[in-house]
């Protein structure tokens, strides 16, 4: 298990970061905006392109599936051309395919362009985490919290931007994302210095071989089940809300704000008090509760439970990401690639299967399936808890470093 360097300063605070870190974080915000951007306009896309909800859900499935598979090559690419160039390639691909998505004439074209978008997003997201961890002050913990804050902010802003632009035309959110990502490209090109390449390039199979580690495999496959529930809420709920773009955007903005706040503030505090694995258990239990609420409550209850789902999702995002980075001795880019490959595979089928379950049975069925997946994640943690013992050291480090030193006599 990777030990925390003893000389890493923590007194500087999470907000005191180099300009290059903030540039990367801004681009990460925009990248994560792309996940929830289409939420408010899903009904409009279905109407204008004459597609069913299950067909429209493939916008998420193609995006997540390509993102998952592309995670396996991110380390191979970045170890050969460097982290900065990998970020720029990923951003350039997102700019191109986001703009092309706005020109789509059929749902098939839009699905294909979203797949290309997913490729660029994978190159950027996996590398951005490693770059932020390497460049941020305050150690890995502060960097991961900053990364998760960018994730939460991006996910919260995505639906709001999608609603504001989508209210004028469903194509505008895609063009808007392309413009913002172009800004991120320019910021990283000018503010981020070239990152050093590792002495030994990463092999294509390195992420898969890293998953042989019991702790990393346990974290990844638990996240697979959890992500199914996560993306069921994100991709299917807009059809259940039966609201206009502004209404859907505001609901998911509230959801995203809670994702950001719980990932940055609640998760670190609870990790220090309870431990990382216990935070995972608590978050999964809350997500089961809210998913059952989505299944059985009326319209107002659906809105409330959707927003409240942001709390366990934010806490889990931080806990799982830190666990994946710290539970093994594999290089962080390799561990991140292996973990994210499995994690995104869990999210890929969720949007389509949720829509199909609703069409075959009723709108509550997808949430029951999501609750069952969270229960499977909990059982995985319990059955393989001995593989996560290295995280006890990380939790001990958190406790010691947050305990004031005794005053000198």
Protein backbone atom coordinates (compact mmCIF):
# COMPACT_ATOMS: atom_id res chain seq x y z
CA UNK A 1 0.00 0.00 0.00
CA UNK A 2 1.28 3.43 -0.95
CA UNK A 3 2.40 5.43 2.07
CA UNK A 4 1.69 9.13 2.24
CA UNK A 5 4.90 11.15 1.81
CA UNK A 6 5.83 12.62 5.19
CA UNK A 7 6.93 15.94 3.78
CA UNK A 8 3.70 16.85 2.02
CA UNK A 9 2.36 20.07 3.48
CA UNK A 10 -1.27 20.21 4.51
CA UNK A 11 -1.46 23.65 6.02
CA UNK A 12 -1.75 25.39 2.68
CA UNK A 13 -5.36 24.33 2.23
CA UNK A 14 -7.16 22.88 -0.74
CA UNK A 15 -7.67 26.31 -2.38
CA UNK A 16 -3.97 27.19 -2.55
CA UNK A 17 -3.09 25.47 -5.78
CA UNK A 18 -0.83 26.22 -8.76
CA UNK A 19 -2.45 27.93 -11.74
CA UNK A 20 -1.96 24.78 -13.82
CA UNK A 21 -4.10 22.81 -11.35
CA UNK A 22 -6.92 25.34 -11.61
CA UNK A 23 -6.72 25.26 -15.41
CA UNK A 24 -7.01 21.47 -15.37
CA UNK A 25 -9.82 21.64 -12.81
CA UNK A 26 -11.76 24.11 -14.97
CA UNK A 27 -11.48 21.82 -17.97
CA UNK A 28 -12.58 18.92 -15.73
CA UNK A 29 -15.67 20.88 -14.70
CA UNK A 30 -16.61 21.34 -18.35
CA UNK A 31 -15.83 17.69 -19.13
CA UNK A 32 -18.17 16.53 -16.37
CA UNK A 33 -20.79 19.01 -17.52
CA UNK A 34 -21.06 16.87 -20.63
CA UNK A 35 -22.43 13.97 -18.57
CA UNK A 36 -25.52 15.76 -17.30
CA UNK A 37 -25.80 18.30 -20.10
CA UNK A 38 -28.32 16.24 -22.08
CA UNK A 39 -30.54 15.44 -19.09
CA UNK A 40 -32.97 18.38 -19.49
CA UNK A 41 -33.16 17.99 -23.26
CA UNK A 42 -33.72 14.22 -23.44
CA UNK A 43 -37.49 14.62 -23.98
CA UNK A 44 -36.85 17.34 -26.59
CA UNK A 45 -34.32 15.15 -28.42
CA UNK A 46 -36.81 12.26 -28.42
CA UNK A 47 -39.50 14.54 -29.84
CA UNK A 48 -37.41 16.26 -32.53
CA UNK A 49 -35.58 13.13 -33.69
CA UNK A 50 -38.67 10.94 -33.34
CA UNK A 51 -37.01 8.47 -31.02
CA UNK A 52 -38.22 6.40 -28.06
CA UNK A 53 -36.83 6.89 -24.56
CA UNK A 54 -34.80 3.68 -24.85
CA UNK A 55 -33.28 4.88 -28.15
CA UNK A 56 -32.41 8.25 -26.66
CA UNK A 57 -30.88 6.52 -23.62
CA UNK A 58 -28.24 5.11 -25.96
CA UNK A 59 -26.72 8.61 -25.94
CA UNK A 60 -25.51 7.73 -22.46
CA UNK A 61 -24.78 4.08 -23.15
CA UNK A 62 -22.54 4.75 -26.16
CA UNK A 63 -20.78 7.54 -24.27
CA UNK A 64 -20.14 5.45 -21.16
CA UNK A 65 -19.20 2.28 -23.03
CA UNK A 66 -16.58 3.97 -25.19
CA UNK A 67 -15.34 5.88 -22.14
CA UNK A 68 -14.90 2.57 -20.26
CA UNK A 69 -13.00 0.80 -23.04
CA UNK A 70 -10.87 3.86 -23.78
CA UNK A 71 -9.76 3.95 -20.14
CA UNK A 72 -7.58 0.93 -20.91
CA UNK A 73 -5.45 2.91 -23.37
CA UNK A 74 -5.17 6.20 -21.48
CA UNK A 75 -2.06 5.12 -19.55
CA UNK A 76 -0.48 3.67 -22.69
CA UNK A 77 -1.03 6.97 -24.52
CA UNK A 78 -0.04 9.35 -21.71
CA UNK A 79 3.15 7.43 -20.89
CA UNK A 80 4.30 7.90 -24.49
CA UNK A 81 3.22 11.43 -25.34
CA UNK A 82 2.99 12.89 -21.82
CA UNK A 83 0.05 13.91 -19.63
CA UNK A 84 -0.27 17.42 -21.07
CA UNK A 85 -0.50 16.24 -24.68
CA UNK A 86 -2.97 13.52 -23.70
CA UNK A 87 -5.19 16.13 -22.05
CA UNK A 88 -5.03 18.30 -25.17
CA UNK A 89 -5.86 15.39 -27.50
CA UNK A 90 -8.81 14.45 -25.30
CA UNK A 91 -10.09 18.03 -25.19
CA UNK A 92 -9.72 18.41 -28.95
CA UNK A 93 -11.78 15.26 -29.55
CA UNK A 94 -14.51 16.52 -27.21
CA UNK A 95 -14.62 19.88 -29.01
CA UNK A 96 -14.99 18.17 -32.40
CA UNK A 97 -17.58 15.56 -31.41
CA UNK A 98 -19.61 17.92 -29.20
CA UNK A 99 -19.91 20.29 -32.16
CA UNK A 100 -20.82 17.41 -34.48
CA UNK A 101 -23.46 16.25 -31.99
CA UNK A 102 -25.19 19.58 -32.46
CA UNK A 103 -25.44 18.97 -36.22
CA UNK A 104 -27.05 15.53 -35.91
CA UNK A 105 -30.04 14.80 -38.15
CA UNK A 106 -30.92 11.40 -36.70
CA UNK A 107 -30.68 9.75 -33.31
CA UNK A 108 -28.21 7.25 -34.81
CA UNK A 109 -25.83 10.06 -35.79
CA UNK A 110 -26.13 11.61 -32.34
CA UNK A 111 -25.35 8.26 -30.67
CA UNK A 112 -22.27 7.86 -32.85
CA UNK A 113 -20.99 11.36 -32.15
CA UNK A 114 -21.53 10.85 -28.41
CA UNK A 115 -19.33 7.75 -28.67
CA UNK A 116 -16.53 9.87 -30.13
CA UNK A 117 -17.14 12.36 -27.36
CA UNK A 118 -16.71 9.52 -24.87
CA UNK A 119 -13.30 8.66 -26.33
CA UNK A 120 -12.05 12.21 -25.83
CA UNK A 121 -13.60 12.35 -22.38
CA UNK A 122 -11.80 9.15 -21.32
CA UNK A 123 -8.41 10.47 -22.44
CA UNK A 124 -9.01 13.67 -20.54
CA UNK A 125 -10.71 12.43 -17.34
CA UNK A 126 -8.31 9.62 -16.46
CA UNK A 127 -5.26 11.78 -17.19
CA UNK A 128 -6.67 14.85 -15.42
CA UNK A 129 -6.90 12.98 -12.13
CA UNK A 130 -3.27 11.89 -12.37
CA UNK A 131 -2.14 15.42 -13.38
CA UNK A 132 -4.04 17.08 -10.53
CA UNK A 133 -2.72 14.54 -8.00
CA UNK A 134 0.83 15.13 -9.26
CA UNK A 135 0.69 18.93 -9.35
CA UNK A 136 -1.61 19.86 -6.47
CA UNK A 137 -0.31 21.04 -3.11
CA UNK A 138 -1.51 19.29 0.02
CA UNK A 139 -1.01 15.69 -1.08
CA UNK A 140 -3.22 13.11 -2.77
CA UNK A 141 -6.18 13.59 -0.45
CA UNK A 142 -6.53 17.31 -1.23
CA UNK A 143 -6.06 16.64 -4.94
CA UNK A 144 -8.77 13.96 -4.99
CA UNK A 145 -11.18 16.22 -3.12
CA UNK A 146 -10.46 18.99 -5.63
CA UNK A 147 -11.04 16.56 -8.50
CA UNK A 148 -14.33 15.39 -6.99
CA UNK A 149 -15.34 19.01 -6.44
CA UNK A 150 -14.80 19.60 -10.16
CA UNK A 151 -16.89 16.51 -10.86
CA UNK A 152 -19.71 17.69 -8.61
CA UNK A 153 -19.65 21.25 -9.93
CA UNK A 154 -19.61 20.01 -13.53
CA UNK A 155 -22.45 17.57 -12.96
CA UNK A 156 -24.51 20.27 -11.21
CA UNK A 157 -23.86 22.94 -13.86
CA UNK A 158 -24.42 20.58 -16.79
CA UNK A 159 -28.21 20.27 -16.40
CA UNK A 160 -28.55 24.00 -15.74
CA UNK A 161 -26.58 24.94 -18.85
CA UNK A 162 -28.43 22.27 -20.82
CA UNK A 163 -31.78 23.70 -19.70
CA UNK A 164 -30.89 27.34 -20.43
CA UNK A 165 -29.49 26.64 -23.89
CA UNK A 166 -31.83 23.76 -24.68
CA UNK A 167 -34.86 25.94 -24.06
CA UNK A 168 -33.85 27.92 -27.14
CA UNK A 169 -32.87 24.91 -29.24
CA UNK A 170 -31.91 21.34 -28.29
CA UNK A 171 -28.73 21.68 -30.39
CA UNK A 172 -27.33 24.67 -28.52
CA UNK A 173 -26.06 22.77 -25.42
CA UNK A 174 -23.76 20.72 -27.65
CA UNK A 175 -22.35 23.81 -29.35
CA UNK A 176 -21.98 25.51 -25.96
CA UNK A 177 -19.97 22.58 -24.60
CA UNK A 178 -17.70 22.70 -27.64
CA UNK A 179 -16.97 26.38 -27.00
CA UNK A 180 -16.27 25.85 -23.28
CA UNK A 181 -13.99 22.89 -23.98
CA UNK A 182 -12.12 25.00 -26.51
CA UNK A 183 -11.52 27.51 -23.71
CA UNK A 184 -10.26 24.67 -21.51
CA UNK A 185 -7.95 23.58 -24.33
CA UNK A 186 -6.42 27.06 -24.53
CA UNK A 187 -5.99 27.29 -20.74
CA UNK A 188 -4.16 23.97 -20.50
CA UNK A 189 -2.09 24.70 -23.62
CA UNK A 190 -0.86 27.96 -22.10
CA UNK A 191 -0.78 27.29 -18.32
CA UNK A 192 0.13 23.63 -17.89
CA UNK A 193 3.79 22.81 -18.33
CA UNK A 194 4.77 19.60 -20.15
CA UNK A 195 4.55 16.71 -17.70
CA UNK A 196 7.44 14.25 -17.43
CA UNK A 197 6.99 10.81 -18.96
CA UNK A 198 7.62 7.74 -16.83
CA UNK A 199 10.95 5.97 -17.31
CA UNK A 200 9.09 2.83 -18.37
CA UNK A 201 6.08 3.30 -20.70
CA UNK A 202 2.83 1.76 -19.51
CA UNK A 203 1.78 -1.41 -21.31
CA UNK A 204 -1.66 -1.82 -22.86
CA UNK A 205 -2.54 -4.62 -20.45
CA UNK A 206 -1.26 -2.82 -17.31
CA UNK A 207 -4.73 -1.65 -16.13
CA UNK A 208 -6.15 -5.16 -16.47
CA UNK A 209 -3.16 -6.68 -14.68
CA UNK A 210 -3.58 -4.11 -11.91
CA UNK A 211 -7.07 -5.50 -11.29
CA UNK A 212 -5.45 -8.71 -10.06
CA UNK A 213 -4.84 -6.81 -6.83
CA UNK A 214 -7.60 -7.84 -4.46
CA UNK A 215 -8.17 -4.39 -3.00
CA UNK A 216 -8.34 -2.61 -6.35
CA UNK A 217 -10.58 -5.31 -7.83
CA UNK A 218 -12.92 -5.11 -4.84
CA UNK A 219 -13.14 -1.33 -5.12
CA UNK A 220 -13.70 -1.46 -8.90
CA UNK A 221 -16.38 -4.14 -8.95
CA UNK A 222 -18.23 -2.59 -6.01
CA UNK A 223 -18.21 0.68 -7.96
CA UNK A 224 -19.56 -1.20 -11.01
CA UNK A 225 -22.77 -2.05 -9.13
CA UNK A 226 -22.95 1.38 -7.54
CA UNK A 227 -22.52 3.16 -10.88
CA UNK A 228 -25.46 1.25 -12.34
CA UNK A 229 -27.67 2.84 -9.69
CA UNK A 230 -25.96 6.23 -10.11
CA UNK A 231 -26.61 6.43 -13.84
CA UNK A 232 -30.12 5.04 -13.53
CA UNK A 233 -30.96 8.15 -11.54
CA UNK A 234 -29.08 10.44 -13.92
CA UNK A 235 -30.29 9.08 -17.28
CA UNK A 236 -33.78 7.72 -16.63
CA UNK A 237 -35.30 10.16 -14.13
CA UNK A 238 -35.77 13.03 -16.65
CA UNK A 239 -38.48 10.95 -18.35
CA UNK A 240 -40.23 10.30 -15.01
CA UNK A 241 -40.23 13.91 -13.86
CA UNK A 242 -42.43 15.00 -16.78
CA UNK A 243 -41.23 18.57 -16.54
CA UNK A 244 -39.93 21.07 -19.08
CA UNK A 245 -36.22 21.62 -19.64
CA UNK A 246 -36.01 24.32 -16.96
CA UNK A 247 -37.72 22.14 -14.37
CA UNK A 248 -35.50 19.14 -15.08
CA UNK A 249 -32.42 21.37 -15.11
CA UNK A 250 -33.25 22.86 -11.71
CA UNK A 251 -33.92 19.44 -10.15
CA UNK A 252 -30.60 18.09 -11.35
CA UNK A 253 -28.83 21.31 -10.45
CA UNK A 254 -29.95 20.76 -6.85
CA UNK A 255 -28.84 17.14 -7.13
CA UNK A 256 -25.43 18.17 -8.45
CA UNK A 257 -24.93 20.79 -5.75
CA UNK A 258 -25.42 18.08 -3.11
CA UNK A 259 -22.99 15.83 -5.03
CA UNK A 260 -20.37 18.58 -4.85
CA UNK A 261 -20.97 19.54 -1.22
CA UNK A 262 -21.06 15.98 0.08
CA UNK A 263 -17.95 14.97 -1.86
CA UNK A 264 -15.90 17.95 -0.66
CA UNK A 265 -17.17 18.39 2.90
CA UNK A 266 -19.18 15.41 4.15
CA UNK A 267 -17.04 12.58 2.78
CA UNK A 268 -13.66 13.69 4.25
CA UNK A 269 -15.19 14.35 7.69
CA UNK A 270 -16.97 10.99 7.77
CA UNK A 271 -13.86 9.19 6.52
CA UNK A 272 -11.94 10.56 9.47
CA UNK A 273 -14.69 9.64 11.93
CA UNK A 274 -15.87 6.29 10.53
CA UNK A 275 -13.30 5.10 7.99
CA UNK A 276 -13.47 4.89 4.19
CA UNK A 277 -15.15 1.48 3.96
CA UNK A 278 -17.80 2.47 6.51
CA UNK A 279 -18.55 5.60 4.45
CA UNK A 280 -19.11 3.34 1.44
CA UNK A 281 -21.57 1.21 3.44
CA UNK A 282 -23.42 4.27 4.73
CA UNK A 283 -23.65 5.86 1.28
CA UNK A 284 -24.89 2.66 -0.35
CA UNK A 285 -27.57 2.27 2.34
CA UNK A 286 -28.75 5.86 1.77
CA UNK A 287 -28.82 5.34 -1.99
CA UNK A 288 -30.95 2.20 -1.54
CA UNK A 289 -33.37 4.21 0.61
CA UNK A 290 -33.67 7.05 -1.92
CA UNK A 291 -34.04 4.65 -4.87
CA UNK A 292 -36.92 2.94 -3.10
CA UNK A 293 -38.38 6.40 -2.52
CA UNK A 294 -38.14 7.09 -6.25
CA UNK A 295 -39.96 3.81 -6.92
CA UNK A 296 -42.93 4.29 -4.56
CA UNK A 297 -43.44 8.02 -3.95
CA UNK A 298 -45.44 10.45 -6.05
CA UNK A 299 -44.25 13.36 -8.17
CA UNK A 300 -43.12 15.58 -5.28
CA UNK A 301 -41.40 12.63 -3.60
CA UNK A 302 -39.60 11.84 -6.86
CA UNK A 303 -38.21 15.38 -7.02
CA UNK A 304 -37.08 15.30 -3.39
CA UNK A 305 -35.49 11.84 -3.64
CA UNK A 306 -33.72 12.74 -6.89
CA UNK A 307 -32.10 15.76 -5.26
CA UNK A 308 -31.24 13.85 -2.06
CA UNK A 309 -29.54 11.11 -4.09
CA UNK A 310 -26.74 13.62 -4.57
CA UNK A 311 -25.64 13.14 -0.95
CA UNK A 312 -24.69 9.43 -1.09
CA UNK A 313 -23.43 9.74 -4.67
CA UNK A 314 -21.05 12.55 -3.71
CA UNK A 315 -19.78 10.71 -0.65
CA UNK A 316 -19.28 7.51 -2.64
CA UNK A 317 -17.46 9.29 -5.45
CA UNK A 318 -14.83 10.61 -3.05
CA UNK A 319 -14.55 7.43 -0.98
CA UNK A 320 -14.26 5.11 -3.99
CA UNK A 321 -11.82 7.33 -5.88
CA UNK A 322 -9.51 7.69 -2.89
CA UNK A 323 -9.74 3.95 -2.19
CA UNK A 324 -8.81 3.13 -5.79
CA UNK A 325 -5.81 5.47 -5.66
CA UNK A 326 -4.51 4.29 -2.26
CA UNK A 327 -5.43 0.63 -1.83
CA UNK A 328 -2.62 -0.76 -4.02
CA UNK A 329 0.99 0.01 -4.92
CA UNK A 330 0.27 0.37 -8.63
CA UNK A 331 1.06 3.76 -10.21
CA UNK A 332 -1.94 6.04 -9.86
CA UNK A 333 -2.57 6.42 -13.62
CA UNK A 334 -2.62 2.63 -13.99
CA UNK A 335 -4.84 2.11 -10.94
CA UNK A 336 -7.15 4.90 -12.13
CA UNK A 337 -7.44 3.37 -15.62
CA UNK A 338 -8.25 -0.11 -14.32
CA UNK A 339 -10.71 1.18 -11.75
CA UNK A 340 -12.47 3.53 -14.18
CA UNK A 341 -12.69 0.83 -16.86
CA UNK A 342 -14.75 -1.39 -14.56
CA UNK A 343 -16.61 1.54 -13.00
CA UNK A 344 -17.81 2.96 -16.31
CA UNK A 345 -18.80 -0.50 -17.51
CA UNK A 346 -21.34 -0.46 -14.71
CA UNK A 347 -22.79 2.83 -15.92
CA UNK A 348 -22.92 1.91 -19.62
CA UNK A 349 -25.93 -0.46 -19.65
CA UNK A 350 -27.90 1.41 -16.96
CA UNK A 351 -29.61 4.08 -19.14
CA UNK A 352 -30.78 1.60 -21.79
CA UNK A 353 -31.80 -1.17 -19.38
CA UNK A 354 -33.64 1.31 -17.17
CA UNK A 355 -35.70 2.53 -20.12
CA UNK A 356 -36.41 -1.02 -21.28
CA UNK A 357 -37.48 -2.08 -17.77
CA UNK A 358 -39.85 0.89 -17.62
CA UNK A 359 -41.30 0.10 -21.05
CA UNK A 360 -41.71 -3.61 -20.21
CA UNK A 361 -42.99 -3.28 -16.63
CA UNK A 362 -43.55 0.18 -15.13
CA UNK A 363 -41.53 3.30 -14.24
CA UNK A 364 -40.71 2.00 -10.76
CA UNK A 365 -38.85 -1.09 -12.04
CA UNK A 366 -35.56 0.70 -12.89
CA UNK A 367 -35.27 2.01 -9.33
CA UNK A 368 -35.88 -1.39 -7.79
CA UNK A 369 -33.10 -2.70 -10.05
CA UNK A 370 -30.85 0.15 -8.90
CA UNK A 371 -31.57 -0.65 -5.25
CA UNK A 372 -30.70 -4.32 -5.88
CA UNK A 373 -27.39 -3.26 -7.46
CA UNK A 374 -26.56 -1.16 -4.38
CA UNK A 375 -27.36 -4.20 -2.23
CA UNK A 376 -25.01 -6.29 -4.42
CA UNK A 377 -22.31 -3.63 -3.93
CA UNK A 378 -22.77 -3.83 -0.16
CA UNK A 379 -22.49 -7.62 -0.21
CA UNK A 380 -19.31 -7.35 -2.31
CA UNK A 381 -17.76 -5.03 0.28
CA UNK A 382 -18.70 -7.40 3.09
CA UNK A 383 -17.52 -10.56 1.35
CA UNK A 384 -14.16 -9.08 0.33
CA UNK A 385 -13.55 -6.72 3.25
CA UNK A 386 -10.21 -8.35 4.06
CA UNK A 387 -8.84 -7.01 0.76
CA UNK A 388 -9.54 -3.45 1.92
CA UNK A 389 -7.50 -3.58 5.12
CA UNK A 390 -4.74 -1.38 3.60
CA UNK A 391 -7.26 1.49 3.69
CA UNK A 392 -7.09 1.39 7.48
CA UNK A 393 -3.63 2.97 7.19
CA UNK A 394 -5.02 5.78 5.03
CA UNK A 395 -7.80 6.41 7.56
CA UNK A 396 -5.23 6.42 10.36
CA UNK A 397 -3.17 9.01 8.43
CA UNK A 398 -6.29 11.19 8.12
CA UNK A 399 -6.88 11.00 11.86
CA UNK A 400 -3.29 11.73 12.89
CA UNK A 401 -2.87 14.59 10.46
CA UNK A 402 -6.09 16.25 11.64
CA UNK A 403 -5.18 15.92 15.32
CA UNK A 404 -3.36 19.01 16.67
CA UNK A 405 0.14 18.35 17.89
CA UNK A 406 0.59 18.69 21.66
CA UNK A 407 1.88 22.08 22.75
CA UNK A 408 5.54 22.26 23.54
CA UNK A 409 6.37 22.90 27.21
